[in-house]
Amino acid sequence: MKTIKVKPWGEGQGEFVVINVDDLTESHEVILGDGTVDPAVEKRTLSDSIIAKIFARRAGISLDDWYALPVAEQIDQLRKAELEIDAASTGGDDQGIRIAKGPGGRLYLKRGKETVSGPFENEEAAQAAMMDIVNADAGSGAGA
């Protein structure tokens, strides 16, 4: 894993602290040999920060709580958003397939107001079924 030197944030940490690049946040000050900040690292940090703020707000939690979430849960939320974006971009409400909650909190696949499939026990099963339908539609040329 790639590491980077950052300015210390507490007493007794020495002249610098070495952290994993993946752990870099906007609060870290990167130290390079010539004293400048690598533009690629700065851009990535800014992008990650914006994404984190969006998802923290979306989840109704603080930014610190977002960072405290396990990486697997953060990735799961990013994938859910990607599916929502993909479904929304397939041609509008009457064309896009989305996951919706129905009676008793069960999950269904809907295209517009029409129920396409379901109920599903969990979101993973609904996402798998949605991918099957999207792939089948793409293969048959439906929705184009």
N, C-alpha and C. Protein backbone atom coordinates (compact mmCIF):
# COMPACT_ATOMS: atom_id res chain seq x y z
N MET A 1 0.85 -1.18 0.00
CA MET A 1 0.00 0.00 0.00
C MET A 1 0.89 1.24 0.00
N LYS A 2 0.51 2.25 -0.78
CA LYS A 2 1.28 3.48 -0.87
C LYS A 2 1.06 4.33 0.37
N THR A 3 2.15 4.91 0.88
CA THR A 3 2.06 5.77 2.05
C THR A 3 2.51 7.17 1.68
N ILE A 4 2.21 8.12 2.57
CA ILE A 4 2.55 9.51 2.35
C ILE A 4 2.87 10.15 3.69
N LYS A 5 3.75 11.15 3.68
CA LYS A 5 4.09 11.88 4.90
C LYS A 5 3.14 13.07 5.04
N VAL A 6 2.65 13.25 6.27
CA VAL A 6 1.80 14.40 6.56
C VAL A 6 2.31 15.08 7.82
N LYS A 7 1.93 16.35 7.98
CA LYS A 7 2.31 17.08 9.18
C LYS A 7 1.65 16.44 10.39
N PRO A 8 2.35 16.40 11.52
CA PRO A 8 1.77 15.82 12.73
C PRO A 8 0.59 16.64 13.23
N TRP A 9 -0.34 15.98 13.91
CA TRP A 9 -1.52 16.67 14.43
C TRP A 9 -1.59 16.59 15.95
N GLY A 10 -0.57 15.96 16.55
CA GLY A 10 -0.56 15.85 18.00
C GLY A 10 0.86 15.91 18.53
N GLU A 11 0.96 16.07 19.83
CA GLU A 11 2.27 16.16 20.46
C GLU A 11 2.96 14.80 20.43
N GLY A 12 4.29 14.83 20.32
CA GLY A 12 5.08 13.61 20.40
C GLY A 12 5.06 12.77 19.13
N GLN A 13 4.57 13.33 18.02
CA GLN A 13 4.52 12.56 16.78
C GLN A 13 5.74 12.80 15.90
N GLY A 14 6.63 13.68 16.32
CA GLY A 14 7.83 13.94 15.53
C GLY A 14 7.59 14.99 14.46
N GLU A 15 8.49 14.99 13.45
CA GLU A 15 8.42 15.98 12.38
C GLU A 15 7.34 15.66 11.36
N PHE A 16 6.97 14.38 11.24
CA PHE A 16 5.93 13.98 10.29
C PHE A 16 5.32 12.66 10.75
N VAL A 17 4.18 12.33 10.14
CA VAL A 17 3.49 11.06 10.38
C VAL A 17 3.29 10.40 9.02
N VAL A 18 3.57 9.10 8.94
CA VAL A 18 3.37 8.35 7.70
C VAL A 18 2.01 7.67 7.78
N ILE A 19 1.16 7.93 6.77
CA ILE A 19 -0.18 7.31 6.72
C ILE A 19 -0.38 6.68 5.35
N ASN A 20 -1.35 5.77 5.26
CA ASN A 20 -1.73 5.21 3.97
C ASN A 20 -2.41 6.30 3.15
N VAL A 21 -2.13 6.33 1.85
CA VAL A 21 -2.74 7.33 0.97
C VAL A 21 -4.26 7.23 1.04
N ASP A 22 -4.80 6.02 1.18
CA ASP A 22 -6.25 5.84 1.25
C ASP A 22 -6.86 6.48 2.49
N ASP A 23 -6.03 6.74 3.52
CA ASP A 23 -6.53 7.35 4.76
C ASP A 23 -6.43 8.87 4.75
N LEU A 24 -5.91 9.42 3.68
CA LEU A 24 -5.72 10.87 3.57
C LEU A 24 -7.06 11.58 3.54
N THR A 25 -7.22 12.61 4.38
CA THR A 25 -8.43 13.43 4.39
C THR A 25 -8.03 14.88 4.19
N GLU A 26 -9.04 15.74 4.08
CA GLU A 26 -8.76 17.15 3.86
C GLU A 26 -8.05 17.79 5.06
N SER A 27 -8.12 17.17 6.23
CA SER A 27 -7.49 17.75 7.40
C SER A 27 -5.98 17.49 7.45
N HIS A 28 -5.48 16.55 6.63
CA HIS A 28 -4.05 16.27 6.59
C HIS A 28 -3.32 17.29 5.72
N GLU A 29 -2.12 17.64 6.14
CA GLU A 29 -1.25 18.51 5.34
C GLU A 29 -0.10 17.66 4.83
N VAL A 30 -0.06 17.43 3.53
CA VAL A 30 0.93 16.56 2.91
C VAL A 30 2.30 17.22 2.90
N ILE A 31 3.33 16.44 3.21
CA ILE A 31 4.70 16.93 3.17
C ILE A 31 5.43 16.19 2.04
N LEU A 32 5.91 16.94 1.06
CA LEU A 32 6.74 16.38 -0.01
C LEU A 32 8.15 16.91 0.15
N GLY A 33 9.09 16.30 -0.58
CA GLY A 33 10.49 16.67 -0.48
C GLY A 33 10.74 18.15 -0.70
N ASP A 34 10.04 18.76 -1.67
CA ASP A 34 10.27 20.17 -1.96
C ASP A 34 9.29 21.08 -1.23
N GLY A 35 8.48 20.52 -0.34
CA GLY A 35 7.55 21.31 0.45
C GLY A 35 6.24 21.64 -0.23
N THR A 36 6.01 21.11 -1.44
CA THR A 36 4.76 21.38 -2.15
C THR A 36 3.79 20.21 -1.98
N VAL A 37 2.55 20.45 -2.35
CA VAL A 37 1.52 19.40 -2.30
C VAL A 37 1.35 18.84 -3.70
N ASP A 38 1.37 17.53 -3.81
CA ASP A 38 1.17 16.85 -5.10
C ASP A 38 -0.25 17.16 -5.58
N PRO A 39 -0.41 17.79 -6.76
CA PRO A 39 -1.76 18.15 -7.25
C PRO A 39 -2.68 16.94 -7.37
N ALA A 40 -2.15 15.77 -7.75
CA ALA A 40 -3.00 14.58 -7.87
C ALA A 40 -3.56 14.17 -6.52
N VAL A 41 -2.72 14.24 -5.49
CA VAL A 41 -3.17 13.88 -4.14
C VAL A 41 -4.18 14.91 -3.66
N GLU A 42 -3.91 16.19 -3.93
CA GLU A 42 -4.82 17.25 -3.51
C GLU A 42 -6.18 17.10 -4.20
N LYS A 43 -6.18 16.79 -5.50
CA LYS A 43 -7.43 16.62 -6.24
C LYS A 43 -8.20 15.41 -5.71
N ARG A 44 -7.51 14.30 -5.48
CA ARG A 44 -8.17 13.10 -4.97
C ARG A 44 -8.75 13.35 -3.59
N THR A 45 -8.01 14.05 -2.75
CA THR A 45 -8.49 14.36 -1.41
C THR A 45 -9.74 15.22 -1.48
N LEU A 46 -9.75 16.22 -2.35
CA LEU A 46 -10.91 17.08 -2.50
C LEU A 46 -12.11 16.27 -3.01
N SER A 47 -11.91 15.41 -4.01
CA SER A 47 -12.99 14.58 -4.54
C SER A 47 -13.55 13.67 -3.46
N ASP A 48 -12.66 13.01 -2.72
CA ASP A 48 -13.11 12.12 -1.65
C ASP A 48 -13.88 12.89 -0.59
N SER A 49 -13.42 14.09 -0.28
CA SER A 49 -14.08 14.91 0.72
C SER A 49 -15.49 15.30 0.28
N ILE A 50 -15.63 15.69 -0.99
CA ILE A 50 -16.95 16.07 -1.51
C ILE A 50 -17.89 14.87 -1.48
N ILE A 51 -17.39 13.72 -1.93
CA ILE A 51 -18.21 12.50 -1.92
C ILE A 51 -18.62 12.16 -0.50
N ALA A 52 -17.68 12.23 0.43
CA ALA A 52 -17.98 11.91 1.82
C ALA A 52 -19.06 12.83 2.37
N LYS A 53 -18.97 14.13 2.07
CA LYS A 53 -19.96 15.08 2.56
C LYS A 53 -21.33 14.79 1.98
N ILE A 54 -21.39 14.46 0.69
CA ILE A 54 -22.66 14.14 0.05
C ILE A 54 -23.30 12.93 0.70
N PHE A 55 -22.52 11.88 0.89
CA PHE A 55 -23.08 10.65 1.43
C PHE A 55 -23.39 10.76 2.92
N ALA A 56 -22.62 11.53 3.65
CA ALA A 56 -22.95 11.74 5.06
C ALA A 56 -24.30 12.46 5.17
N ARG A 57 -24.47 13.48 4.34
CA ARG A 57 -25.73 14.23 4.33
C ARG A 57 -26.88 13.32 3.91
N ARG A 58 -26.64 12.52 2.89
CA ARG A 58 -27.67 11.60 2.38
C ARG A 58 -28.09 10.59 3.45
N ALA A 59 -27.11 10.13 4.23
CA ALA A 59 -27.39 9.14 5.28
C ALA A 59 -27.91 9.80 6.55
N GLY A 60 -27.87 11.14 6.61
CA GLY A 60 -28.35 11.85 7.79
C GLY A 60 -27.40 11.72 8.98
N ILE A 61 -26.10 11.60 8.68
CA ILE A 61 -25.11 11.45 9.75
C ILE A 61 -24.03 12.52 9.58
N SER A 62 -23.23 12.68 10.61
CA SER A 62 -22.14 13.66 10.53
C SER A 62 -21.02 13.11 9.65
N LEU A 63 -20.16 14.00 9.21
CA LEU A 63 -19.02 13.59 8.39
C LEU A 63 -18.11 12.65 9.18
N ASP A 64 -17.92 12.92 10.46
CA ASP A 64 -17.11 12.02 11.30
C ASP A 64 -17.73 10.63 11.36
N ASP A 65 -19.07 10.56 11.46
CA ASP A 65 -19.74 9.25 11.48
C ASP A 65 -19.58 8.52 10.15
N TRP A 66 -19.60 9.29 9.03
CA TRP A 66 -19.38 8.67 7.73
C TRP A 66 -18.00 8.03 7.68
N TYR A 67 -16.98 8.80 8.11
CA TYR A 67 -15.62 8.26 8.09
C TYR A 67 -15.47 7.07 9.04
N ALA A 68 -16.30 7.02 10.09
CA ALA A 68 -16.23 5.92 11.05
C ALA A 68 -16.91 4.65 10.54
N LEU A 69 -17.75 4.77 9.49
CA LEU A 69 -18.40 3.58 8.94
C LEU A 69 -17.36 2.63 8.38
N PRO A 70 -17.61 1.32 8.47
CA PRO A 70 -16.70 0.37 7.83
C PRO A 70 -16.66 0.64 6.32
N VAL A 71 -15.51 0.44 5.72
CA VAL A 71 -15.34 0.70 4.29
C VAL A 71 -16.37 -0.09 3.48
N ALA A 72 -16.65 -1.33 3.88
CA ALA A 72 -17.62 -2.15 3.14
C ALA A 72 -19.00 -1.47 3.11
N GLU A 73 -19.38 -0.82 4.21
CA GLU A 73 -20.68 -0.13 4.24
C GLU A 73 -20.66 1.12 3.36
N GLN A 74 -19.53 1.84 3.36
CA GLN A 74 -19.41 3.00 2.48
C GLN A 74 -19.52 2.57 1.02
N ILE A 75 -18.83 1.50 0.67
CA ILE A 75 -18.87 0.98 -0.71
C ILE A 75 -20.28 0.55 -1.07
N ASP A 76 -20.98 -0.10 -0.14
CA ASP A 76 -22.36 -0.53 -0.39
C ASP A 76 -23.25 0.68 -0.71
N GLN A 77 -23.10 1.76 0.05
CA GLN A 77 -23.90 2.96 -0.21
C GLN A 77 -23.55 3.59 -1.55
N LEU A 78 -22.27 3.57 -1.92
CA LEU A 78 -21.87 4.10 -3.22
C LEU A 78 -22.46 3.27 -4.35
N ARG A 79 -22.48 1.95 -4.20
CA ARG A 79 -23.07 1.07 -5.23
C ARG A 79 -24.57 1.30 -5.36
N LYS A 80 -25.26 1.48 -4.24
CA LYS A 80 -26.70 1.76 -4.29
C LYS A 80 -26.95 3.05 -5.07
N ALA A 81 -26.15 4.06 -4.81
CA ALA A 81 -26.31 5.34 -5.52
C ALA A 81 -26.04 5.16 -7.00
N GLU A 82 -25.04 4.35 -7.33
CA GLU A 82 -24.74 4.11 -8.74
C GLU A 82 -25.93 3.44 -9.43
N LEU A 83 -26.56 2.47 -8.77
CA LEU A 83 -27.73 1.81 -9.36
C LEU A 83 -28.87 2.81 -9.55
N GLU A 84 -29.07 3.70 -8.56
CA GLU A 84 -30.13 4.70 -8.68
C GLU A 84 -29.86 5.63 -9.85
N ILE A 85 -28.61 6.04 -10.01
CA ILE A 85 -28.24 6.93 -11.11
C ILE A 85 -28.44 6.22 -12.44
N ASP A 86 -27.98 4.96 -12.52
CA ASP A 86 -28.14 4.19 -13.75
C ASP A 86 -29.61 4.02 -14.10
N ALA A 87 -30.43 3.70 -13.10
CA ALA A 87 -31.86 3.50 -13.36
C ALA A 87 -32.51 4.80 -13.80
N ALA A 88 -32.09 5.92 -13.21
CA ALA A 88 -32.69 7.21 -13.55
C ALA A 88 -32.27 7.66 -14.95
N SER A 89 -31.12 7.18 -15.42
CA SER A 89 -30.63 7.66 -16.71
C SER A 89 -31.02 6.77 -17.88
N THR A 90 -31.90 5.80 -17.64
CA THR A 90 -32.26 4.89 -18.73
C THR A 90 -33.45 5.37 -19.54
N GLY A 91 -33.86 6.61 -19.33
CA GLY A 91 -34.92 7.13 -20.19
C GLY A 91 -36.09 7.72 -19.44
N GLY A 92 -36.00 7.93 -18.16
CA GLY A 92 -37.09 8.56 -17.43
C GLY A 92 -37.84 7.57 -16.57
N ASP A 93 -38.83 8.09 -15.84
CA ASP A 93 -39.57 7.28 -14.89
C ASP A 93 -40.30 6.12 -15.55
N ASP A 94 -40.75 6.30 -16.79
CA ASP A 94 -41.50 5.22 -17.43
C ASP A 94 -40.57 4.15 -17.99
N GLN A 95 -39.27 4.42 -18.10
CA GLN A 95 -38.33 3.47 -18.67
C GLN A 95 -37.45 2.82 -17.61
N GLY A 96 -36.95 3.61 -16.62
CA GLY A 96 -35.97 3.13 -15.66
C GLY A 96 -36.54 2.16 -14.66
N ILE A 97 -35.74 1.17 -14.34
CA ILE A 97 -36.13 0.22 -13.29
C ILE A 97 -35.51 0.70 -12.00
N ARG A 98 -36.30 0.64 -10.93
CA ARG A 98 -35.78 1.05 -9.63
C ARG A 98 -36.28 0.10 -8.56
N ILE A 99 -35.59 0.12 -7.44
CA ILE A 99 -36.01 -0.69 -6.29
C ILE A 99 -36.91 0.18 -5.43
N ALA A 100 -38.07 -0.36 -5.05
CA ALA A 100 -39.01 0.40 -4.23
C ALA A 100 -39.53 -0.48 -3.11
N LYS A 101 -39.83 0.16 -1.98
CA LYS A 101 -40.42 -0.57 -0.86
C LYS A 101 -41.92 -0.64 -1.05
N GLY A 102 -42.46 -1.82 -0.75
CA GLY A 102 -43.89 -2.03 -0.86
C GLY A 102 -44.48 -2.37 0.49
N PRO A 103 -45.65 -3.01 0.49
CA PRO A 103 -46.32 -3.37 1.73
C PRO A 103 -45.41 -4.24 2.61
N GLY A 104 -45.44 -3.96 3.89
CA GLY A 104 -44.66 -4.74 4.84
C GLY A 104 -43.16 -4.51 4.73
N GLY A 105 -42.76 -3.45 4.01
CA GLY A 105 -41.35 -3.15 3.87
C GLY A 105 -40.62 -4.04 2.88
N ARG A 106 -41.39 -4.89 2.15
CA ARG A 106 -40.74 -5.75 1.16
C ARG A 106 -40.29 -4.93 -0.04
N LEU A 107 -39.30 -5.43 -0.73
CA LEU A 107 -38.72 -4.72 -1.86
C LEU A 107 -39.25 -5.27 -3.18
N TYR A 108 -39.53 -4.36 -4.11
CA TYR A 108 -40.04 -4.71 -5.43
C TYR A 108 -39.22 -3.95 -6.47
N LEU A 109 -39.23 -4.45 -7.70
CA LEU A 109 -38.67 -3.71 -8.82
C LEU A 109 -39.83 -3.05 -9.54
N LYS A 110 -39.67 -1.76 -9.83
CA LYS A 110 -40.72 -1.01 -10.50
C LYS A 110 -40.15 -0.30 -11.71
N ARG A 111 -40.97 -0.20 -12.75
CA ARG A 111 -40.66 0.60 -13.92
C ARG A 111 -41.81 1.58 -14.01
N GLY A 112 -41.51 2.83 -13.69
CA GLY A 112 -42.59 3.80 -13.56
C GLY A 112 -43.47 3.39 -12.39
N LYS A 113 -44.77 3.24 -12.63
CA LYS A 113 -45.68 2.80 -11.57
C LYS A 113 -45.94 1.31 -11.62
N GLU A 114 -45.44 0.64 -12.64
CA GLU A 114 -45.66 -0.80 -12.83
C GLU A 114 -44.68 -1.62 -11.99
N THR A 115 -45.19 -2.60 -11.26
CA THR A 115 -44.33 -3.53 -10.54
C THR A 115 -43.82 -4.56 -11.53
N VAL A 116 -42.52 -4.66 -11.65
CA VAL A 116 -41.90 -5.55 -12.63
C VAL A 116 -41.59 -6.91 -12.01
N SER A 117 -41.16 -6.92 -10.75
CA SER A 117 -40.78 -8.16 -10.10
C SER A 117 -40.76 -7.96 -8.59
N GLY A 118 -40.82 -9.08 -7.87
CA GLY A 118 -40.73 -9.02 -6.41
C GLY A 118 -41.86 -9.79 -5.79
N PRO A 119 -41.94 -9.86 -4.52
CA PRO A 119 -41.11 -9.20 -3.52
C PRO A 119 -39.77 -9.92 -3.33
N PHE A 120 -38.81 -9.16 -2.75
CA PHE A 120 -37.49 -9.69 -2.46
C PHE A 120 -37.24 -9.57 -0.96
N GLU A 121 -36.49 -10.53 -0.45
CA GLU A 121 -36.18 -10.56 0.98
C GLU A 121 -35.22 -9.46 1.40
N ASN A 122 -34.29 -9.11 0.49
CA ASN A 122 -33.28 -8.11 0.86
C ASN A 122 -32.86 -7.34 -0.39
N GLU A 123 -32.10 -6.29 -0.16
CA GLU A 123 -31.70 -5.40 -1.27
C GLU A 123 -30.76 -6.10 -2.25
N GLU A 124 -29.91 -7.00 -1.73
CA GLU A 124 -29.00 -7.71 -2.62
C GLU A 124 -29.76 -8.54 -3.65
N ALA A 125 -30.81 -9.22 -3.21
CA ALA A 125 -31.63 -10.02 -4.13
C ALA A 125 -32.33 -9.13 -5.15
N ALA A 126 -32.82 -7.97 -4.69
CA ALA A 126 -33.49 -7.03 -5.60
C ALA A 126 -32.49 -6.47 -6.62
N GLN A 127 -31.28 -6.15 -6.17
CA GLN A 127 -30.27 -5.62 -7.09
C GLN A 127 -29.88 -6.66 -8.12
N ALA A 128 -29.74 -7.92 -7.70
CA ALA A 128 -29.39 -8.99 -8.64
C ALA A 128 -30.49 -9.15 -9.68
N ALA A 129 -31.75 -9.13 -9.25
CA ALA A 129 -32.86 -9.25 -10.19
C ALA A 129 -32.90 -8.05 -11.14
N MET A 130 -32.60 -6.86 -10.61
CA MET A 130 -32.60 -5.66 -11.46
C MET A 130 -31.52 -5.80 -12.53
N MET A 131 -30.35 -6.27 -12.15
CA MET A 131 -29.28 -6.43 -13.13
C MET A 131 -29.68 -7.45 -14.20
N ASP A 132 -30.35 -8.53 -13.80
CA ASP A 132 -30.82 -9.52 -14.78
C ASP A 132 -31.78 -8.88 -15.78
N ILE A 133 -32.70 -8.08 -15.29
CA ILE A 133 -33.69 -7.43 -16.16
C ILE A 133 -33.00 -6.40 -17.07
N VAL A 134 -32.11 -5.60 -16.50
CA VAL A 134 -31.39 -4.60 -17.30
C VAL A 134 -30.58 -5.28 -18.39
N ASN A 135 -29.89 -6.37 -18.03
CA ASN A 135 -29.09 -7.09 -19.03
C ASN A 135 -29.98 -7.72 -20.10
N ALA A 136 -31.13 -8.27 -19.69
CA ALA A 136 -32.06 -8.85 -20.65
C ALA A 136 -32.61 -7.78 -21.59
N ASP A 137 -32.97 -6.60 -21.02
CA ASP A 137 -33.47 -5.50 -21.84
C ASP A 137 -32.41 -5.03 -22.83
N ALA A 138 -31.17 -4.95 -22.37
CA ALA A 138 -30.07 -4.51 -23.24
C ALA A 138 -29.85 -5.52 -24.36
N GLY A 139 -29.97 -6.80 -24.05
CA GLY A 139 -29.76 -7.84 -25.05
C GLY A 139 -30.87 -7.88 -26.08
N SER A 140 -32.09 -7.52 -25.68
CA SER A 140 -33.21 -7.58 -26.62
C SER A 140 -33.45 -6.24 -27.31
N GLY A 141 -32.72 -5.20 -26.86
CA GLY A 141 -32.91 -3.88 -27.46
C GLY A 141 -34.10 -3.15 -26.88
N ALA A 142 -34.71 -3.68 -25.79
CA ALA A 142 -35.87 -3.03 -25.18
C ALA A 142 -35.44 -1.73 -24.50
N GLY A 143 -36.33 -0.79 -24.45
CA GLY A 143 -36.08 0.49 -23.79
C GLY A 143 -35.29 1.45 -24.64
N ALA A 144 -34.97 1.05 -25.87
CA ALA A 144 -34.19 1.97 -26.73
C ALA A 144 -35.09 2.65 -27.71
